[in-house]
Amino acid sequence: FVERIAIHLSAAGLEETLLHDVKAVLLRHPGRCRVDIVLETVDGRKLTVEVGTMRVEPSRALLDGLEPLVGQSAVELVGAARRAGVPEPRF
């Protein structure tokens, strides 16, 4: 069960056009899961920002849209299974 999607981005060199492209993909997949952007600063700190009221449906199509923009390892599906020590599902 996926509760939220975390998109990990480096704050260094982050361009506004990338954020617009990510938003466009997210808007094409409305659903029930919260979206967080996790920004990693130059000094290694992480800042998590919830993307307002936007919710998405986790799917292969969503991942196929996000991964070319941000990289395969930058999209994380987070759910109740993680807290129970069960491996996360991957689409």
N, C-alpha and C. Protein backbone atom coordinates (compact mmCIF):
# COMPACT_ATOMS: atom_id res chain seq x y z
N PHE A 1 0.84 -1.18 0.00
CA PHE A 1 0.00 0.00 0.00
C PHE A 1 0.88 1.24 0.00
N VAL A 2 0.83 2.03 -1.03
CA VAL A 2 1.63 3.24 -1.16
C VAL A 2 0.86 4.41 -0.56
N GLU A 3 1.48 5.10 0.40
CA GLU A 3 0.85 6.25 1.05
C GLU A 3 1.27 7.56 0.42
N ARG A 4 2.51 7.61 -0.04
CA ARG A 4 3.02 8.85 -0.63
C ARG A 4 4.14 8.54 -1.61
N ILE A 5 4.41 9.51 -2.44
CA ILE A 5 5.51 9.42 -3.39
C ILE A 5 6.50 10.52 -3.05
N ALA A 6 7.76 10.17 -2.89
CA ALA A 6 8.81 11.15 -2.61
C ALA A 6 9.69 11.26 -3.85
N ILE A 7 9.90 12.49 -4.29
CA ILE A 7 10.75 12.76 -5.45
C ILE A 7 11.99 13.48 -4.92
N HIS A 8 13.14 12.84 -5.05
CA HIS A 8 14.39 13.36 -4.51
C HIS A 8 15.11 14.18 -5.59
N LEU A 9 15.43 15.42 -5.24
CA LEU A 9 16.11 16.32 -6.18
C LEU A 9 17.27 17.00 -5.48
N SER A 10 18.30 17.30 -6.23
CA SER A 10 19.41 18.09 -5.71
C SER A 10 19.06 19.57 -5.85
N ALA A 11 19.24 20.32 -4.76
CA ALA A 11 18.95 21.75 -4.80
C ALA A 11 19.98 22.49 -5.66
N ALA A 12 21.18 21.93 -5.76
CA ALA A 12 22.23 22.56 -6.57
C ALA A 12 21.87 22.45 -8.05
N GLY A 13 21.74 23.57 -8.69
CA GLY A 13 21.46 23.57 -10.12
C GLY A 13 20.01 23.26 -10.48
N LEU A 14 19.13 23.22 -9.50
CA LEU A 14 17.73 22.91 -9.76
C LEU A 14 17.11 24.02 -10.60
N GLU A 15 16.49 23.63 -11.70
CA GLU A 15 15.91 24.61 -12.61
C GLU A 15 14.39 24.60 -12.51
N GLU A 16 13.81 25.78 -12.65
CA GLU A 16 12.36 25.93 -12.57
C GLU A 16 11.66 25.11 -13.65
N THR A 17 12.28 24.98 -14.82
CA THR A 17 11.65 24.21 -15.89
C THR A 17 11.47 22.74 -15.49
N LEU A 18 12.43 22.19 -14.73
CA LEU A 18 12.30 20.81 -14.26
C LEU A 18 11.09 20.69 -13.34
N LEU A 19 10.93 21.64 -12.44
CA LEU A 19 9.79 21.60 -11.52
C LEU A 19 8.47 21.68 -12.29
N HIS A 20 8.42 22.51 -13.32
CA HIS A 20 7.20 22.60 -14.15
C HIS A 20 6.93 21.29 -14.87
N ASP A 21 7.98 20.66 -15.38
CA ASP A 21 7.83 19.37 -16.08
C ASP A 21 7.34 18.28 -15.12
N VAL A 22 7.89 18.25 -13.92
CA VAL A 22 7.47 17.27 -12.91
C VAL A 22 6.00 17.52 -12.55
N LYS A 23 5.64 18.77 -12.34
CA LYS A 23 4.26 19.10 -12.01
C LYS A 23 3.30 18.65 -13.11
N ALA A 24 3.69 18.85 -14.36
CA ALA A 24 2.84 18.44 -15.48
C ALA A 24 2.59 16.94 -15.46
N VAL A 25 3.62 16.16 -15.18
CA VAL A 25 3.46 14.70 -15.10
C VAL A 25 2.53 14.34 -13.94
N LEU A 26 2.75 14.95 -12.79
CA LEU A 26 1.93 14.65 -11.62
C LEU A 26 0.45 14.97 -11.88
N LEU A 27 0.18 16.07 -12.55
CA LEU A 27 -1.20 16.47 -12.82
C LEU A 27 -1.92 15.50 -13.75
N ARG A 28 -1.17 14.76 -14.55
CA ARG A 28 -1.78 13.78 -15.47
C ARG A 28 -2.17 12.48 -14.76
N HIS A 29 -1.84 12.36 -13.47
CA HIS A 29 -2.09 11.11 -12.73
C HIS A 29 -2.76 11.39 -11.39
N PRO A 30 -3.94 12.00 -11.39
CA PRO A 30 -4.60 12.30 -10.11
C PRO A 30 -4.96 11.03 -9.36
N GLY A 31 -4.91 11.13 -8.04
CA GLY A 31 -5.22 9.95 -7.24
C GLY A 31 -5.28 10.27 -5.77
N ARG A 32 -4.84 9.33 -4.94
CA ARG A 32 -5.00 9.40 -3.48
C ARG A 32 -3.71 9.63 -2.71
N CYS A 33 -2.54 9.53 -3.35
CA CYS A 33 -1.27 9.58 -2.63
C CYS A 33 -0.67 10.98 -2.58
N ARG A 34 -0.21 11.32 -1.41
CA ARG A 34 0.50 12.58 -1.19
C ARG A 34 1.81 12.58 -1.98
N VAL A 35 2.27 13.77 -2.35
CA VAL A 35 3.54 13.92 -3.06
C VAL A 35 4.46 14.81 -2.23
N ASP A 36 5.68 14.34 -2.01
CA ASP A 36 6.71 15.13 -1.33
C ASP A 36 7.88 15.33 -2.27
N ILE A 37 8.44 16.53 -2.24
CA ILE A 37 9.70 16.81 -2.92
C ILE A 37 10.77 16.85 -1.83
N VAL A 38 11.81 16.05 -1.98
CA VAL A 38 12.90 16.01 -1.01
C VAL A 38 14.11 16.66 -1.68
N LEU A 39 14.46 17.85 -1.19
CA LEU A 39 15.61 18.59 -1.75
C LEU A 39 16.84 18.32 -0.91
N GLU A 40 17.92 17.91 -1.59
CA GLU A 40 19.19 17.71 -0.90
C GLU A 40 20.07 18.92 -1.17
N THR A 41 20.50 19.57 -0.09
CA THR A 41 21.32 20.77 -0.22
C THR A 41 22.77 20.39 -0.50
N VAL A 42 23.56 21.39 -0.85
CA VAL A 42 24.97 21.18 -1.17
C VAL A 42 25.71 20.56 0.02
N ASP A 43 25.30 20.92 1.24
CA ASP A 43 25.99 20.38 2.42
C ASP A 43 25.38 19.06 2.90
N GLY A 44 24.47 18.45 2.10
CA GLY A 44 23.95 17.13 2.41
C GLY A 44 22.68 17.09 3.25
N ARG A 45 22.20 18.25 3.66
CA ARG A 45 20.95 18.26 4.42
C ARG A 45 19.77 18.00 3.48
N LYS A 46 18.69 17.45 4.04
CA LYS A 46 17.50 17.16 3.24
C LYS A 46 16.33 17.96 3.77
N LEU A 47 15.61 18.58 2.85
CA LEU A 47 14.43 19.37 3.17
C LEU A 47 13.26 18.75 2.43
N THR A 48 12.24 18.33 3.18
CA THR A 48 11.06 17.71 2.57
C THR A 48 9.94 18.73 2.49
N VAL A 49 9.39 18.87 1.28
CA VAL A 49 8.30 19.81 1.04
C VAL A 49 7.11 19.03 0.49
N GLU A 50 5.98 19.09 1.20
CA GLU A 50 4.77 18.45 0.70
C GLU A 50 4.19 19.33 -0.40
N VAL A 51 3.80 18.70 -1.50
CA VAL A 51 3.30 19.44 -2.67
C VAL A 51 1.81 19.74 -2.47
N GLY A 52 1.53 20.68 -1.58
CA GLY A 52 0.17 21.17 -1.35
C GLY A 52 -0.89 20.10 -1.27
N THR A 53 -1.98 20.34 -1.97
CA THR A 53 -3.11 19.41 -1.95
C THR A 53 -3.06 18.42 -3.11
N MET A 54 -2.02 18.49 -3.93
CA MET A 54 -1.91 17.58 -5.08
C MET A 54 -1.76 16.14 -4.60
N ARG A 55 -2.54 15.26 -5.18
CA ARG A 55 -2.45 13.83 -4.90
C ARG A 55 -2.33 13.10 -6.23
N VAL A 56 -1.63 11.97 -6.22
CA VAL A 56 -1.44 11.20 -7.45
C VAL A 56 -1.78 9.74 -7.21
N GLU A 57 -1.99 9.03 -8.31
CA GLU A 57 -2.20 7.58 -8.26
C GLU A 57 -0.88 6.91 -8.66
N PRO A 58 -0.27 6.15 -7.76
CA PRO A 58 0.98 5.48 -8.12
C PRO A 58 0.71 4.44 -9.19
N SER A 59 1.48 4.51 -10.27
CA SER A 59 1.30 3.58 -11.39
C SER A 59 2.58 3.52 -12.19
N ARG A 60 2.66 2.53 -13.04
CA ARG A 60 3.81 2.41 -13.94
C ARG A 60 3.88 3.63 -14.86
N ALA A 61 2.71 4.10 -15.30
CA ALA A 61 2.67 5.26 -16.20
C ALA A 61 3.23 6.51 -15.51
N LEU A 62 2.90 6.68 -14.23
CA LEU A 62 3.44 7.83 -13.48
C LEU A 62 4.95 7.74 -13.38
N LEU A 63 5.45 6.55 -13.00
CA LEU A 63 6.90 6.38 -12.90
C LEU A 63 7.58 6.56 -14.25
N ASP A 64 6.95 6.07 -15.32
CA ASP A 64 7.52 6.24 -16.66
C ASP A 64 7.60 7.70 -17.05
N GLY A 65 6.71 8.52 -16.55
CA GLY A 65 6.75 9.95 -16.82
C GLY A 65 7.77 10.70 -15.98
N LEU A 66 7.95 10.28 -14.72
CA LEU A 66 8.87 10.97 -13.82
C LEU A 66 10.33 10.57 -14.00
N GLU A 67 10.58 9.28 -14.19
CA GLU A 67 11.96 8.79 -14.19
C GLU A 67 12.85 9.41 -15.26
N PRO A 68 12.37 9.67 -16.48
CA PRO A 68 13.25 10.34 -17.45
C PRO A 68 13.62 11.77 -17.03
N LEU A 69 12.79 12.39 -16.22
CA LEU A 69 13.05 13.76 -15.78
C LEU A 69 14.01 13.82 -14.60
N VAL A 70 13.81 12.92 -13.63
CA VAL A 70 14.56 13.03 -12.37
C VAL A 70 15.48 11.84 -12.09
N GLY A 71 15.36 10.78 -12.89
CA GLY A 71 16.18 9.59 -12.67
C GLY A 71 15.40 8.51 -11.93
N GLN A 72 15.68 7.27 -12.24
CA GLN A 72 14.96 6.15 -11.67
C GLN A 72 15.10 6.09 -10.15
N SER A 73 16.28 6.34 -9.65
CA SER A 73 16.50 6.23 -8.20
C SER A 73 15.96 7.42 -7.42
N ALA A 74 15.46 8.45 -8.11
CA ALA A 74 14.97 9.65 -7.44
C ALA A 74 13.50 9.56 -7.06
N VAL A 75 12.80 8.54 -7.53
CA VAL A 75 11.37 8.40 -7.23
C VAL A 75 11.20 7.26 -6.23
N GLU A 76 10.63 7.59 -5.09
CA GLU A 76 10.47 6.61 -4.01
C GLU A 76 8.98 6.45 -3.67
N LEU A 77 8.53 5.21 -3.65
CA LEU A 77 7.17 4.91 -3.22
C LEU A 77 7.24 4.55 -1.74
N VAL A 78 6.51 5.27 -0.91
CA VAL A 78 6.58 5.08 0.53
C VAL A 78 5.22 4.63 1.03
N GLY A 79 5.21 3.56 1.83
CA GLY A 79 3.93 3.07 2.31
C GLY A 79 4.00 2.42 3.67
N ALA A 80 2.87 1.91 4.10
CA ALA A 80 2.76 1.26 5.40
C ALA A 80 3.66 0.04 5.49
N ALA A 81 3.94 -0.60 4.37
CA ALA A 81 4.78 -1.81 4.38
C ALA A 81 6.17 -1.51 4.90
N ARG A 82 6.69 -0.33 4.62
CA ARG A 82 8.03 0.02 5.08
C ARG A 82 8.10 0.01 6.60
N ARG A 83 7.08 0.54 7.24
CA ARG A 83 7.08 0.59 8.70
C ARG A 83 7.02 -0.81 9.30
N ALA A 84 6.43 -1.74 8.60
CA ALA A 84 6.30 -3.10 9.11
C ALA A 84 7.52 -3.96 8.76
N GLY A 85 8.50 -3.39 8.07
CA GLY A 85 9.68 -4.13 7.71
C GLY A 85 9.52 -5.00 6.48
N VAL A 86 8.47 -4.76 5.71
CA VAL A 86 8.20 -5.51 4.49
C VAL A 86 8.76 -4.70 3.32
N PRO A 87 9.39 -5.33 2.33
CA PRO A 87 9.94 -4.59 1.19
C PRO A 87 8.86 -3.79 0.46
N GLU A 88 9.23 -2.61 -0.01
CA GLU A 88 8.33 -1.75 -0.77
C GLU A 88 8.05 -2.33 -2.14
N PRO A 89 6.83 -2.20 -2.62
CA PRO A 89 6.53 -2.65 -3.99
C PRO A 89 7.13 -1.71 -5.02
N ARG A 90 7.55 -2.23 -6.14
CA ARG A 90 8.04 -1.41 -7.26
C ARG A 90 7.19 -1.75 -8.48
N PHE A 91 6.82 -0.75 -9.22
CA PHE A 91 6.05 -0.97 -10.43
C PHE A 91 6.97 -1.31 -11.57
